[in-house]
Amino acid sequence: MASSNQTTKTALNLRQPEISQLVRELRQLMQLTQAQFAAELGVAYETINRWENGHMQPSALALKQLRFVIDGLTNSPSKSLRDGSSILLSKYFVEEQRL
């Protein structure tokens, strides 16, 4: 029985400056203020502000939530959102081959 390859994308081991950039770039891609982006993610405005300014790092759950948002944008009717999300995926996430 032949096994099939599955490709998944996992978060890189990001350093704080990279996480800050990811959060800011995603928010700007979506054309949201920090307050609007916080509401979208269900977190406080201060949380987004701290993530973007490098004062706090998102939890593993929050990083998964950010990834979920990016994945959702890849199916957007907006070409700029699709293209932007693809750029974020290639910039901040790495493909992992699994058997």
PDB file of N, CA and C in Angstrom:
ATOM      1  N   MET A   1       0.842  -1.178   0.000  1.00  0.00           N
ATOM      2  CA  MET A   1       0.000   0.000   0.000  1.00  0.00           C
ATOM      3  C   MET A   1       0.887   1.240   0.000  1.00  0.00           C
ATOM      4  N   ALA A   2       0.710   2.114  -0.962  1.00  0.00           N
ATOM      5  CA  ALA A   2       1.546   3.304  -1.081  1.00  0.00           C
ATOM      6  C   ALA A   2       1.078   4.377  -0.114  1.00  0.00           C
ATOM      7  N   SER A   3       2.044   5.071   0.473  1.00  0.00           N
ATOM      8  CA  SER A   3       1.679   6.180   1.361  1.00  0.00           C
ATOM      9  C   SER A   3       1.652   7.465   0.553  1.00  0.00           C
ATOM     10  N   SER A   4       0.811   8.375   0.980  1.00  0.00           N
ATOM     11  CA  SER A   4       0.727   9.652   0.266  1.00  0.00           C
ATOM     12  C   SER A   4       1.396  10.740   1.090  1.00  0.00           C
ATOM     13  N   ASN A   5       2.003  11.675   0.404  1.00  0.00           N
ATOM     14  CA  ASN A   5       2.617  12.814   1.078  1.00  0.00           C
ATOM     15  C   ASN A   5       1.561  13.854   1.382  1.00  0.00           C
ATOM     16  N   GLN A   6       1.617  14.387   2.576  1.00  0.00           N
ATOM     17  CA  GLN A   6       0.741  15.493   2.941  1.00  0.00           C
ATOM     18  C   GLN A   6       1.634  16.672   3.270  1.00  0.00           C
ATOM     19  N   THR A   7       1.289  17.821   2.740  1.00  0.00           N
ATOM     20  CA  THR A   7       2.048  19.022   3.024  1.00  0.00           C
ATOM     21  C   THR A   7       1.229  19.898   3.944  1.00  0.00           C
ATOM     22  N   THR A   8       1.837  20.284   5.050  1.00  0.00           N
ATOM     23  CA  THR A   8       1.185  21.227   5.950  1.00  0.00           C
ATOM     24  C   THR A   8       2.138  22.379   6.184  1.00  0.00           C
ATOM     25  N   LYS A   9       1.586  23.491   6.574  1.00  0.00           N
ATOM     26  CA  LYS A   9       2.433  24.637   6.877  1.00  0.00           C
ATOM     27  C   LYS A   9       2.395  24.866   8.373  1.00  0.00           C
ATOM     28  N   THR A  10       3.573  25.015   8.973  1.00  0.00           N
ATOM     29  CA  THR A  10       3.662  25.273  10.394  1.00  0.00           C
ATOM     30  C   THR A  10       4.399  26.580  10.614  1.00  0.00           C
ATOM     31  N   ALA A  11       4.139  27.173  11.753  1.00  0.00           N
ATOM     32  CA  ALA A  11       4.781  28.442  12.069  1.00  0.00           C
ATOM     33  C   ALA A  11       6.271  28.224  12.273  1.00  0.00           C
ATOM     34  N   LEU A  12       7.036  29.159  11.779  1.00  0.00           N
ATOM     35  CA  LEU A  12       8.459  29.135  12.055  1.00  0.00           C
ATOM     36  C   LEU A  12       8.673  29.457  13.520  1.00  0.00           C
ATOM     37  N   ASN A  13       9.831  29.171  14.011  1.00  0.00           N
ATOM     38  CA  ASN A  13      10.188  29.586  15.354  1.00  0.00           C
ATOM     39  C   ASN A  13      10.491  31.080  15.274  1.00  0.00           C
ATOM     40  N   LEU A  14       9.455  31.885  15.374  1.00  0.00           N
ATOM     41  CA  LEU A  14       9.581  33.320  15.151  1.00  0.00           C
ATOM     42  C   LEU A  14      10.157  34.025  16.367  1.00  0.00           C
ATOM     43  N   ARG A  15      11.031  34.979  16.113  1.00  0.00           N
ATOM     44  CA  ARG A  15      11.522  35.856  17.173  1.00  0.00           C
ATOM     45  C   ARG A  15      10.528  36.997  17.321  1.00  0.00           C
ATOM     46  N   GLN A  16      10.589  37.690  18.437  1.00  0.00           N
ATOM     47  CA  GLN A  16       9.627  38.745  18.724  1.00  0.00           C
ATOM     48  C   GLN A  16       9.505  39.781  17.596  1.00  0.00           C
ATOM     49  N   PRO A  17      10.608  40.291  17.034  1.00  0.00           N
ATOM     50  CA  PRO A  17      10.428  41.277  15.959  1.00  0.00           C
ATOM     51  C   PRO A  17       9.638  40.724  14.774  1.00  0.00           C
ATOM     52  N   GLU A  18       9.832  39.443  14.460  1.00  0.00           N
ATOM     53  CA  GLU A  18       9.108  38.846  13.342  1.00  0.00           C
ATOM     54  C   GLU A  18       7.631  38.690  13.663  1.00  0.00           C
ATOM     55  N   ILE A  19       7.312  38.317  14.890  1.00  0.00           N
ATOM     56  CA  ILE A  19       5.912  38.200  15.292  1.00  0.00           C
ATOM     57  C   ILE A  19       5.249  39.568  15.232  1.00  0.00           C
ATOM     58  N   SER A  20       5.942  40.573  15.711  1.00  0.00           N
ATOM     59  CA  SER A  20       5.414  41.939  15.660  1.00  0.00           C
ATOM     60  C   SER A  20       5.114  42.346  14.226  1.00  0.00           C
ATOM     61  N   GLN A  21       6.036  42.027  13.324  1.00  0.00           N
ATOM     62  CA  GLN A  21       5.842  42.358  11.910  1.00  0.00           C
ATOM     63  C   GLN A  21       4.671  41.592  11.319  1.00  0.00           C
ATOM     64  N   LEU A  22       4.564  40.312  11.650  1.00  0.00           N
ATOM     65  CA  LEU A  22       3.461  39.499  11.145  1.00  0.00           C
ATOM     66  C   LEU A  22       2.122  40.096  11.564  1.00  0.00           C
ATOM     67  N   VAL A  23       1.986  40.432  12.841  1.00  0.00           N
ATOM     68  CA  VAL A  23       0.728  40.993  13.343  1.00  0.00           C
ATOM     69  C   VAL A  23       0.414  42.300  12.629  1.00  0.00           C
ATOM     70  N   ARG A  24       1.398  43.178  12.530  1.00  0.00           N
ATOM     71  CA  ARG A  24       1.184  44.480  11.890  1.00  0.00           C
ATOM     72  C   ARG A  24       0.849  44.323  10.405  1.00  0.00           C
ATOM     73  N   GLU A  25       1.602  43.471   9.703  1.00  0.00           N
ATOM     74  CA  GLU A  25       1.367  43.288   8.269  1.00  0.00           C
ATOM     75  C   GLU A  25      -0.006  42.682   8.000  1.00  0.00           C
ATOM     76  N   LEU A  26      -0.423  41.736   8.826  1.00  0.00           N
ATOM     77  CA  LEU A  26      -1.741  41.135   8.655  1.00  0.00           C
ATOM     78  C   LEU A  26      -2.833  42.170   8.899  1.00  0.00           C
ATOM     79  N   ARG A  27      -2.691  42.944   9.956  1.00  0.00           N
ATOM     80  CA  ARG A  27      -3.692  43.974  10.270  1.00  0.00           C
ATOM     81  C   ARG A  27      -3.772  45.001   9.144  1.00  0.00           C
ATOM     82  N   GLN A  28      -2.624  45.432   8.653  1.00  0.00           N
ATOM     83  CA  GLN A  28      -2.613  46.427   7.579  1.00  0.00           C
ATOM     84  C   GLN A  28      -3.164  45.851   6.281  1.00  0.00           C
ATOM     85  N   LEU A  29      -2.874  44.590   6.008  1.00  0.00           N
ATOM     86  CA  LEU A  29      -3.429  43.937   4.821  1.00  0.00           C
ATOM     87  C   LEU A  29      -4.951  43.976   4.871  1.00  0.00           C
ATOM     88  N   MET A  30      -5.502  43.744   6.058  1.00  0.00           N
ATOM     89  CA  MET A  30      -6.956  43.733   6.232  1.00  0.00           C
ATOM     90  C   MET A  30      -7.536  45.145   6.332  1.00  0.00           C
ATOM     91  N   GLN A  31      -6.651  46.145   6.318  1.00  0.00           N
ATOM     92  CA  GLN A  31      -7.040  47.555   6.406  1.00  0.00           C
ATOM     93  C   GLN A  31      -7.882  47.828   7.650  1.00  0.00           C
ATOM     94  N   LEU A  32      -7.386  47.326   8.788  1.00  0.00           N
ATOM     95  CA  LEU A  32      -8.079  47.507  10.053  1.00  0.00           C
ATOM     96  C   LEU A  32      -7.218  48.317  11.011  1.00  0.00           C
ATOM     97  N   THR A  33      -7.885  49.051  11.894  1.00  0.00           N
ATOM     98  CA  THR A  33      -7.172  49.707  12.987  1.00  0.00           C
ATOM     99  C   THR A  33      -6.822  48.637  14.015  1.00  0.00           C
ATOM    100  N   GLN A  34      -5.980  48.989  14.966  1.00  0.00           N
ATOM    101  CA  GLN A  34      -5.666  48.031  16.024  1.00  0.00           C
ATOM    102  C   GLN A  34      -6.931  47.633  16.781  1.00  0.00           C
ATOM    103  N   ALA A  35      -7.820  48.583  17.030  1.00  0.00           N
ATOM    104  CA  ALA A  35      -9.067  48.293  17.751  1.00  0.00           C
ATOM    105  C   ALA A  35      -9.961  47.354  16.938  1.00  0.00           C
ATOM    106  N   GLN A  36     -10.063  47.587  15.641  1.00  0.00           N
ATOM    107  CA  GLN A  36     -10.885  46.723  14.784  1.00  0.00           C
ATOM    108  C   GLN A  36     -10.296  45.316  14.695  1.00  0.00           C
ATOM    109  N   PHE A  37      -8.976  45.243  14.574  1.00  0.00           N
ATOM    110  CA  PHE A  37      -8.307  43.947  14.492  1.00  0.00           C
ATOM    111  C   PHE A  37      -8.468  43.179  15.802  1.00  0.00           C
ATOM    112  N   ALA A  38      -8.372  43.891  16.917  1.00  0.00           N
ATOM    113  CA  ALA A  38      -8.580  43.268  18.227  1.00  0.00           C
ATOM    114  C   ALA A  38      -9.977  42.673  18.321  1.00  0.00           C
ATOM    115  N   ALA A  39     -10.975  43.417  17.864  1.00  0.00           N
ATOM    116  CA  ALA A  39     -12.355  42.919  17.889  1.00  0.00           C
ATOM    117  C   ALA A  39     -12.497  41.685  16.998  1.00  0.00           C
ATOM    118  N   GLU A  40     -11.839  41.699  15.855  1.00  0.00           N
ATOM    119  CA  GLU A  40     -11.875  40.557  14.928  1.00  0.00           C
ATOM    120  C   GLU A  40     -11.315  39.290  15.583  1.00  0.00           C
ATOM    121  N   LEU A  41     -10.254  39.462  16.375  1.00  0.00           N
ATOM    122  CA  LEU A  41      -9.611  38.317  17.022  1.00  0.00           C
ATOM    123  C   LEU A  41     -10.200  37.998  18.394  1.00  0.00           C
ATOM    124  N   GLY A  42     -11.014  38.910  18.921  1.00  0.00           N
ATOM    125  CA  GLY A  42     -11.597  38.690  20.244  1.00  0.00           C
ATOM    126  C   GLY A  42     -10.627  38.946  21.378  1.00  0.00           C
ATOM    127  N   VAL A  43      -9.718  39.892  21.157  1.00  0.00           N
ATOM    128  CA  VAL A  43      -8.768  40.279  22.206  1.00  0.00           C
ATOM    129  C   VAL A  43      -8.891  41.780  22.439  1.00  0.00           C
ATOM    130  N   ALA A  44      -8.253  42.264  23.475  1.00  0.00           N
ATOM    131  CA  ALA A  44      -8.288  43.691  23.793  1.00  0.00           C
ATOM    132  C   ALA A  44      -7.381  44.473  22.839  1.00  0.00           C
ATOM    133  N   TYR A  45      -7.746  45.723  22.607  1.00  0.00           N
ATOM    134  CA  TYR A  45      -6.921  46.621  21.788  1.00  0.00           C
ATOM    135  C   TYR A  45      -5.487  46.642  22.309  1.00  0.00           C
ATOM    136  N   GLU A  46      -5.347  46.707  23.627  1.00  0.00           N
ATOM    137  CA  GLU A  46      -4.013  46.781  24.239  1.00  0.00           C
ATOM    138  C   GLU A  46      -3.170  45.561  23.879  1.00  0.00           C
ATOM    139  N   THR A  47      -3.816  44.429  23.717  1.00  0.00           N
ATOM    140  CA  THR A  47      -3.098  43.206  23.353  1.00  0.00           C
ATOM    141  C   THR A  47      -2.471  43.344  21.970  1.00  0.00           C
ATOM    142  N   ILE A  48      -3.247  43.812  21.011  1.00  0.00           N
ATOM    143  CA  ILE A  48      -2.714  44.020  19.651  1.00  0.00           C
ATOM    144  C   ILE A  48      -1.579  45.032  19.691  1.00  0.00           C
ATOM    145  N   ASN A  49      -1.779  46.102  20.424  1.00  0.00           N
ATOM    146  CA  ASN A  49      -0.763  47.142  20.542  1.00  0.00           C
ATOM    147  C   ASN A  49       0.529  46.573  21.120  1.00  0.00           C
ATOM    148  N   ARG A  50       0.422  45.766  22.142  1.00  0.00           N
ATOM    149  CA  ARG A  50       1.611  45.164  22.765  1.00  0.00           C
ATOM    150  C   ARG A  50       2.289  44.170  21.828  1.00  0.00           C
ATOM    151  N   TRP A  51       1.498  43.397  21.086  1.00  0.00           N
ATOM    152  CA  TRP A  51       2.087  42.462  20.121  1.00  0.00           C
ATOM    153  C   TRP A  51       2.869  43.223  19.064  1.00  0.00           C
ATOM    154  N   GLU A  52       2.262  44.267  18.515  1.00  0.00           N
ATOM    155  CA  GLU A  52       2.908  45.017  17.430  1.00  0.00           C
ATOM    156  C   GLU A  52       4.144  45.771  17.901  1.00  0.00           C
ATOM    157  N   ASN A  53       4.137  46.210  19.145  1.00  0.00           N
ATOM    158  CA  ASN A  53       5.264  46.980  19.661  1.00  0.00           C
ATOM    159  C   ASN A  53       6.308  46.118  20.355  1.00  0.00           C
ATOM    160  N   GLY A  54       6.105  44.800  20.339  1.00  0.00           N
ATOM    161  CA  GLY A  54       7.093  43.888  20.891  1.00  0.00           C
ATOM    162  C   GLY A  54       7.130  43.816  22.401  1.00  0.00           C
ATOM    163  N   HIS A  55       6.092  44.317  23.064  1.00  0.00           N
ATOM    164  CA  HIS A  55       6.061  44.277  24.524  1.00  0.00           C
ATOM    165  C   HIS A  55       5.489  42.968  25.052  1.00  0.00           C
ATOM    166  N   MET A  56       4.854  42.205  24.180  1.00  0.00           N
ATOM    167  CA  MET A  56       4.235  40.946  24.577  1.00  0.00           C
ATOM    168  C   MET A  56       4.189  40.039  23.355  1.00  0.00           C
ATOM    169  N   GLN A  57       4.316  38.755  23.575  1.00  0.00           N
ATOM    170  CA  GLN A  57       4.276  37.791  22.479  1.00  0.00           C
ATOM    171  C   GLN A  57       2.942  37.053  22.510  1.00  0.00           C
ATOM    172  N   PRO A  58       2.322  36.836  21.348  1.00  0.00           N
ATOM    173  CA  PRO A  58       1.073  36.075  21.315  1.00  0.00           C
ATOM    174  C   PRO A  58       1.282  34.650  21.832  1.00  0.00           C
ATOM    175  N   SER A  59       0.264  34.128  22.478  1.00  0.00           N
ATOM    176  CA  SER A  59       0.303  32.738  22.935  1.00  0.00           C
ATOM    177  C   SER A  59       0.263  31.813  21.719  1.00  0.00           C
ATOM    178  N   ALA A  60       0.506  30.542  21.959  1.00  0.00           N
ATOM    179  CA  ALA A  60       0.429  29.553  20.875  1.00  0.00           C
ATOM    180  C   ALA A  60      -0.972  29.538  20.274  1.00  0.00           C
ATOM    181  N   LEU A  61      -1.988  29.654  21.120  1.00  0.00           N
ATOM    182  CA  LEU A  61      -3.367  29.681  20.638  1.00  0.00           C
ATOM    183  C   LEU A  61      -3.618  30.916  19.768  1.00  0.00           C
ATOM    184  N   ALA A  62      -3.091  32.061  20.192  1.00  0.00           N
ATOM    185  CA  ALA A  62      -3.262  33.289  19.412  1.00  0.00           C
ATOM    186  C   ALA A  62      -2.552  33.180  18.067  1.00  0.00           C
ATOM    187  N   LEU A  63      -1.380  32.549  18.039  1.00  0.00           N
ATOM    188  CA  LEU A  63      -0.670  32.358  16.768  1.00  0.00           C
ATOM    189  C   LEU A  63      -1.474  31.464  15.833  1.00  0.00           C
ATOM    190  N   LYS A  64      -2.118  30.438  16.380  1.00  0.00           N
ATOM    191  CA  LYS A  64      -2.979  29.584  15.560  1.00  0.00           C
ATOM    192  C   LYS A  64      -4.153  30.388  15.015  1.00  0.00           C
ATOM    193  N   GLN A  65      -4.675  31.282  15.840  1.00  0.00           N
ATOM    194  CA  GLN A  65      -5.792  32.126  15.418  1.00  0.00           C
ATOM    195  C   GLN A  65      -5.356  33.066  14.293  1.00  0.00           C
ATOM    196  N   LEU A  66      -4.169  33.640  14.410  1.00  0.00           N
ATOM    197  CA  LEU A  66      -3.642  34.498  13.344  1.00  0.00           C
ATOM    198  C   LEU A  66      -3.490  33.694  12.057  1.00  0.00           C
ATOM    199  N   ARG A  67      -2.979  32.485  12.179  1.00  0.00           N
ATOM    200  CA  ARG A  67      -2.818  31.613  11.014  1.00  0.00           C
ATOM    201  C   ARG A  67      -4.172  31.301  10.373  1.00  0.00           C
ATOM    202  N   PHE A  68      -5.186  31.059  11.198  1.00  0.00           N
ATOM    203  CA  PHE A  68      -6.534  30.783  10.711  1.00  0.00           C
ATOM    204  C   PHE A  68      -7.059  31.968   9.899  1.00  0.00           C
ATOM    205  N   VAL A  69      -6.809  33.182  10.386  1.00  0.00           N
ATOM    206  CA  VAL A  69      -7.237  34.392   9.672  1.00  0.00           C
ATOM    207  C   VAL A  69      -6.527  34.476   8.323  1.00  0.00           C
ATOM    208  N   ILE A  70      -5.216  34.245   8.322  1.00  0.00           N
ATOM    209  CA  ILE A  70      -4.451  34.297   7.069  1.00  0.00           C
ATOM    210  C   ILE A  70      -4.975  33.250   6.089  1.00  0.00           C
ATOM    211  N   ASP A  71      -5.195  32.039   6.579  1.00  0.00           N
ATOM    212  CA  ASP A  71      -5.719  30.975   5.713  1.00  0.00           C
ATOM    213  C   ASP A  71      -7.061  31.370   5.107  1.00  0.00           C
ATOM    214  N   GLY A  72      -7.907  32.022   5.900  1.00  0.00           N
ATOM    215  CA  GLY A  72      -9.207  32.465   5.402  1.00  0.00           C
ATOM    216  C   GLY A  72      -9.081  33.488   4.289  1.00  0.00           C
ATOM    217  N   LEU A  73      -8.063  34.320   4.366  1.00  0.00           N
ATOM    218  CA  LEU A  73      -7.869  35.351   3.344  1.00  0.00           C
ATOM    219  C   LEU A  73      -7.416  34.764   2.011  1.00  0.00           C
ATOM    220  N   THR A  74      -6.846  33.567   2.033  1.00  0.00           N
ATOM    221  CA  THR A  74      -6.395  32.959   0.774  1.00  0.00           C
ATOM    222  C   THR A  74      -7.569  32.628  -0.140  1.00  0.00           C
ATOM    223  N   ASN A  75      -8.780  32.583   0.414  1.00  0.00           N
ATOM    224  CA  ASN A  75      -9.989  32.312  -0.375  1.00  0.00           C
ATOM    225  C   ASN A  75     -10.836  33.559  -0.579  1.00  0.00           C
ATOM    226  N   SER A  76     -10.289  34.705  -0.286  1.00  0.00           N
ATOM    227  CA  SER A  76     -11.027  35.960  -0.394  1.00  0.00           C
ATOM    228  C   SER A  76     -11.345  36.289  -1.852  1.00  0.00           C
ATOM    229  N   PRO A  77     -12.493  36.935  -2.097  1.00  0.00           N
ATOM    230  CA  PRO A  77     -12.778  37.388  -3.457  1.00  0.00           C
ATOM    231  C   PRO A  77     -11.835  38.514  -3.898  1.00  0.00           C
ATOM    232  N   SER A  78     -11.189  39.156  -2.930  1.00  0.00           N
ATOM    233  CA  SER A  78     -10.271  40.255  -3.226  1.00  0.00           C
ATOM    234  C   SER A  78      -8.896  39.711  -3.604  1.00  0.00           C
ATOM    235  N   LYS A  79      -8.443  40.052  -4.807  1.00  0.00           N
ATOM    236  CA  LYS A  79      -7.128  39.598  -5.262  1.00  0.00           C
ATOM    237  C   LYS A  79      -6.027  40.118  -4.346  1.00  0.00           C
ATOM    238  N   SER A  80      -6.139  41.358  -3.883  1.00  0.00           N
ATOM    239  CA  SER A  80      -5.090  41.912  -3.022  1.00  0.00           C
ATOM    240  C   SER A  80      -5.009  41.162  -1.691  1.00  0.00           C
ATOM    241  N   LEU A  81      -6.153  40.731  -1.146  1.00  0.00           N
ATOM    242  CA  LEU A  81      -6.135  39.948   0.094  1.00  0.00           C
ATOM    243  C   LEU A  81      -5.562  38.553  -0.152  1.00  0.00           C
ATOM    244  N   ARG A  82      -5.930  37.937  -1.267  1.00  0.00           N
ATOM    245  CA  ARG A  82      -5.381  36.611  -1.603  1.00  0.00           C
ATOM    246  C   ARG A  82      -3.866  36.688  -1.775  1.00  0.00           C
ATOM    247  N   ASP A  83      -3.424  37.668  -2.558  1.00  0.00           N
ATOM    248  CA  ASP A  83      -1.989  37.815  -2.809  1.00  0.00           C
ATOM    249  C   ASP A  83      -1.236  38.144  -1.524  1.00  0.00           C
ATOM    250  N   GLY A  84      -1.792  39.064  -0.742  1.00  0.00           N
ATOM    251  CA  GLY A  84      -1.148  39.458   0.515  1.00  0.00           C
ATOM    252  C   GLY A  84      -1.046  38.309   1.494  1.00  0.00           C
ATOM    253  N   SER A  85      -2.104  37.509   1.573  1.00  0.00           N
ATOM    254  CA  SER A  85      -2.069  36.373   2.499  1.00  0.00           C
ATOM    255  C   SER A  85      -1.048  35.335   2.036  1.00  0.00           C
ATOM    256  N   SER A  86      -0.925  35.141   0.737  1.00  0.00           N
ATOM    257  CA  SER A  86       0.082  34.209   0.213  1.00  0.00           C
ATOM    258  C   SER A  86       1.489  34.679   0.555  1.00  0.00           C
ATOM    259  N   ILE A  87       1.705  35.975   0.470  1.00  0.00           N
ATOM    260  CA  ILE A  87       3.013  36.538   0.824  1.00  0.00           C
ATOM    261  C   ILE A  87       3.305  36.306   2.305  1.00  0.00           C
ATOM    262  N   LEU A  88       2.308  36.558   3.165  1.00  0.00           N
ATOM    263  CA  LEU A  88       2.503  36.339   4.602  1.00  0.00           C
ATOM    264  C   LEU A  88       2.801  34.872   4.904  1.00  0.00           C
ATOM    265  N   LEU A  89       2.089  33.968   4.237  1.00  0.00           N
ATOM    266  CA  LEU A  89       2.332  32.539   4.458  1.00  0.00           C
ATOM    267  C   LEU A  89       3.757  32.157   4.072  1.00  0.00           C
ATOM    268  N   SER A  90       4.212  32.638   2.926  1.00  0.00           N
ATOM    269  CA  SER A  90       5.559  32.267   2.482  1.00  0.00           C
ATOM    270  C   SER A  90       6.641  32.951   3.317  1.00  0.00           C
ATOM    271  N   LYS A  91       6.341  34.120   3.852  1.00  0.00           N
ATOM    272  CA  LYS A  91       7.321  34.878   4.624  1.00  0.00           C
ATOM    273  C   LYS A  91       7.462  34.367   6.060  1.00  0.00           C
ATOM    274  N   TYR A  92       6.351  33.983   6.676  1.00  0.00           N
ATOM    275  CA  TYR A  92       6.370  33.654   8.101  1.00  0.00           C
ATOM    276  C   TYR A  92       6.093  32.190   8.428  1.00  0.00           C
ATOM    277  N   PHE A  93       5.760  31.388   7.438  1.00  0.00           N
ATOM    278  CA  PHE A  93       5.448  29.987   7.690  1.00  0.00           C
ATOM    279  C   PHE A  93       6.262  29.118   6.750  1.00  0.00           C
ATOM    280  N   VAL A  94       6.546  27.904   7.175  1.00  0.00           N
ATOM    281  CA  VAL A  94       7.374  26.996   6.393  1.00  0.00           C
ATOM    282  C   VAL A  94       6.568  25.729   6.116  1.00  0.00           C
ATOM    283  N   GLU A  95       6.777  25.156   4.935  1.00  0.00           N
ATOM    284  CA  GLU A  95       6.103  23.902   4.590  1.00  0.00           C
ATOM    285  C   GLU A  95       6.836  22.742   5.236  1.00  0.00           C
ATOM    286  N   GLU A  96       6.043  21.814   5.722  1.00  0.00           N
ATOM    287  CA  GLU A  96       6.587  20.628   6.368  1.00  0.00           C
ATOM    288  C   GLU A  96       6.006  19.407   5.666  1.00  0.00           C
ATOM    289  N   GLN A  97       6.849  18.511   5.191  1.00  0.00           N
ATOM    290  CA  GLN A  97       6.388  17.294   4.517  1.00  0.00           C
ATOM    291  C   GLN A  97       6.116  16.218   5.558  1.00  0.00           C
ATOM    292  N   ARG A  98       4.959  15.581   5.425  1.00  0.00           N
ATOM    293  CA  ARG A  98       4.624  14.466   6.313  1.00  0.00           C
ATOM    294  C   ARG A  98       4.244  13.271   5.461  1.00  0.00           C
ATOM    295  N   LEU A  99       4.633  12.114   5.894  1.00  0.00           N
ATOM    296  CA  LEU A  99       4.280  10.878   5.184  1.00  0.00           C
ATOM    297  C   LEU A  99       3.032  10.287   5.770  1.00  0.00           C
TER     298      LEU A  99
END
